[in-house]
N, C-alpha and C. Protein backbone atom coordinates (compact mmCIF):
# COMPACT_ATOMS: atom_id res chain seq x y z
N MET A 1 64.07 98.04 -77.25
CA MET A 1 64.85 97.30 -78.23
C MET A 1 65.93 96.45 -77.58
N VAL A 2 66.35 96.88 -76.41
CA VAL A 2 67.42 96.14 -75.73
C VAL A 2 66.89 94.82 -75.20
N PHE A 3 65.63 94.83 -74.74
CA PHE A 3 65.09 93.63 -74.11
C PHE A 3 64.45 92.68 -75.12
N LEU A 4 64.41 93.07 -76.38
CA LEU A 4 63.75 92.23 -77.38
C LEU A 4 64.49 90.91 -77.61
N PRO A 5 65.81 90.88 -77.82
CA PRO A 5 66.49 89.59 -78.01
C PRO A 5 66.40 88.71 -76.77
N ALA A 6 66.45 89.31 -75.58
CA ALA A 6 66.37 88.51 -74.36
C ALA A 6 64.98 87.86 -74.23
N SER A 7 63.94 88.63 -74.55
CA SER A 7 62.59 88.08 -74.45
C SER A 7 62.38 86.98 -75.48
N ILE A 8 62.96 87.16 -76.68
CA ILE A 8 62.82 86.13 -77.72
C ILE A 8 63.56 84.86 -77.29
N SER A 9 64.74 85.03 -76.69
CA SER A 9 65.48 83.84 -76.25
C SER A 9 64.74 83.13 -75.12
N TRP A 10 64.15 83.89 -74.21
CA TRP A 10 63.37 83.27 -73.14
C TRP A 10 62.14 82.58 -73.70
N LEU A 11 61.54 83.20 -74.74
CA LEU A 11 60.35 82.60 -75.34
C LEU A 11 60.69 81.25 -75.97
N PHE A 12 61.79 81.20 -76.72
CA PHE A 12 62.20 79.93 -77.32
C PHE A 12 62.61 78.93 -76.25
N PHE A 13 63.22 79.42 -75.16
CA PHE A 13 63.62 78.54 -74.06
C PHE A 13 62.40 77.87 -73.44
N PHE A 14 61.38 78.67 -73.14
CA PHE A 14 60.17 78.10 -72.52
C PHE A 14 59.40 77.23 -73.51
N LEU A 15 59.39 77.62 -74.79
CA LEU A 15 58.70 76.79 -75.78
C LEU A 15 59.39 75.44 -75.94
N PHE A 16 60.73 75.45 -75.93
CA PHE A 16 61.46 74.20 -76.07
C PHE A 16 61.19 73.28 -74.89
N HIS A 17 61.18 73.84 -73.67
CA HIS A 17 60.93 73.00 -72.51
C HIS A 17 59.48 72.53 -72.45
N ALA A 18 58.57 73.36 -72.91
CA ALA A 18 57.17 72.93 -72.94
C ALA A 18 56.98 71.78 -73.92
N VAL A 19 57.63 71.87 -75.09
CA VAL A 19 57.54 70.78 -76.06
C VAL A 19 58.20 69.51 -75.52
N ALA A 20 59.33 69.68 -74.81
CA ALA A 20 60.02 68.51 -74.27
C ALA A 20 59.16 67.85 -73.18
N VAL A 21 58.53 68.65 -72.34
CA VAL A 21 57.68 68.09 -71.28
C VAL A 21 56.46 67.41 -71.89
N LEU A 22 55.86 68.02 -72.91
CA LEU A 22 54.70 67.41 -73.55
C LEU A 22 55.08 66.11 -74.25
N ALA A 23 56.26 66.08 -74.86
CA ALA A 23 56.70 64.86 -75.53
C ALA A 23 56.95 63.74 -74.52
N SER A 24 57.56 64.09 -73.38
CA SER A 24 57.82 63.06 -72.37
C SER A 24 56.51 62.59 -71.75
N LEU A 25 55.57 63.49 -71.53
CA LEU A 25 54.28 63.09 -70.99
C LEU A 25 53.52 62.23 -71.99
N ASP A 26 53.64 62.56 -73.28
CA ASP A 26 52.97 61.77 -74.31
C ASP A 26 53.57 60.36 -74.36
N LYS A 27 54.89 60.26 -74.19
CA LYS A 27 55.53 58.95 -74.21
C LYS A 27 55.11 58.13 -72.99
N VAL A 28 55.04 58.77 -71.83
CA VAL A 28 54.63 58.06 -70.61
C VAL A 28 53.18 57.62 -70.71
N CYS A 29 52.32 58.50 -71.25
CA CYS A 29 50.91 58.15 -71.40
C CYS A 29 50.73 57.01 -72.40
N SER A 30 51.51 57.02 -73.47
CA SER A 30 51.36 55.97 -74.47
C SER A 30 51.92 54.65 -73.94
N LEU A 31 52.90 54.73 -73.02
CA LEU A 31 53.45 53.50 -72.45
C LEU A 31 52.54 52.93 -71.37
N ARG A 32 52.06 53.79 -70.48
CA ARG A 32 51.24 53.30 -69.37
C ARG A 32 49.79 53.09 -69.78
N TYR A 33 49.30 53.98 -70.65
CA TYR A 33 47.90 53.88 -71.09
C TYR A 33 47.87 53.79 -72.60
N PRO A 34 47.94 52.59 -73.16
CA PRO A 34 48.02 52.46 -74.63
C PRO A 34 46.77 52.94 -75.35
N HIS A 35 45.61 52.97 -74.67
CA HIS A 35 44.41 53.40 -75.37
C HIS A 35 44.42 54.90 -75.62
N PHE A 36 45.29 55.67 -74.91
CA PHE A 36 45.41 57.10 -75.19
C PHE A 36 46.12 57.33 -76.53
N ALA A 37 46.99 56.41 -76.92
CA ALA A 37 47.74 56.59 -78.16
C ALA A 37 46.82 56.47 -79.38
N ALA A 38 45.68 55.77 -79.23
CA ALA A 38 44.77 55.61 -80.36
C ALA A 38 43.92 56.86 -80.58
N LEU A 39 43.85 57.74 -79.56
CA LEU A 39 43.05 58.95 -79.70
C LEU A 39 43.79 59.98 -80.54
N PRO A 40 43.07 60.80 -81.28
CA PRO A 40 43.72 61.92 -81.99
C PRO A 40 44.27 62.93 -80.99
N GLN A 41 45.30 63.66 -81.41
CA GLN A 41 45.92 64.62 -80.51
C GLN A 41 44.98 65.78 -80.18
N ARG A 42 44.02 66.06 -81.04
CA ARG A 42 43.11 67.18 -80.78
C ARG A 42 42.21 66.88 -79.59
N GLU A 43 41.88 65.62 -79.35
CA GLU A 43 40.99 65.29 -78.25
C GLU A 43 41.71 65.29 -76.91
N LEU A 44 43.04 65.17 -76.94
CA LEU A 44 43.78 65.13 -75.69
C LEU A 44 43.91 66.52 -75.08
N PHE A 45 44.01 67.56 -75.94
CA PHE A 45 44.21 68.91 -75.40
C PHE A 45 42.90 69.68 -75.44
């Protein structure tokens, strides 16, 4: 029970950074490769 809040905070920390990295990669891909932006997100992952 003691480690539960710490693990949850780490989980949100890693999830936030993963979303931020994916968003920055998506922006770079859409800027450098515009034809990737026309694809649905399901085909990219």
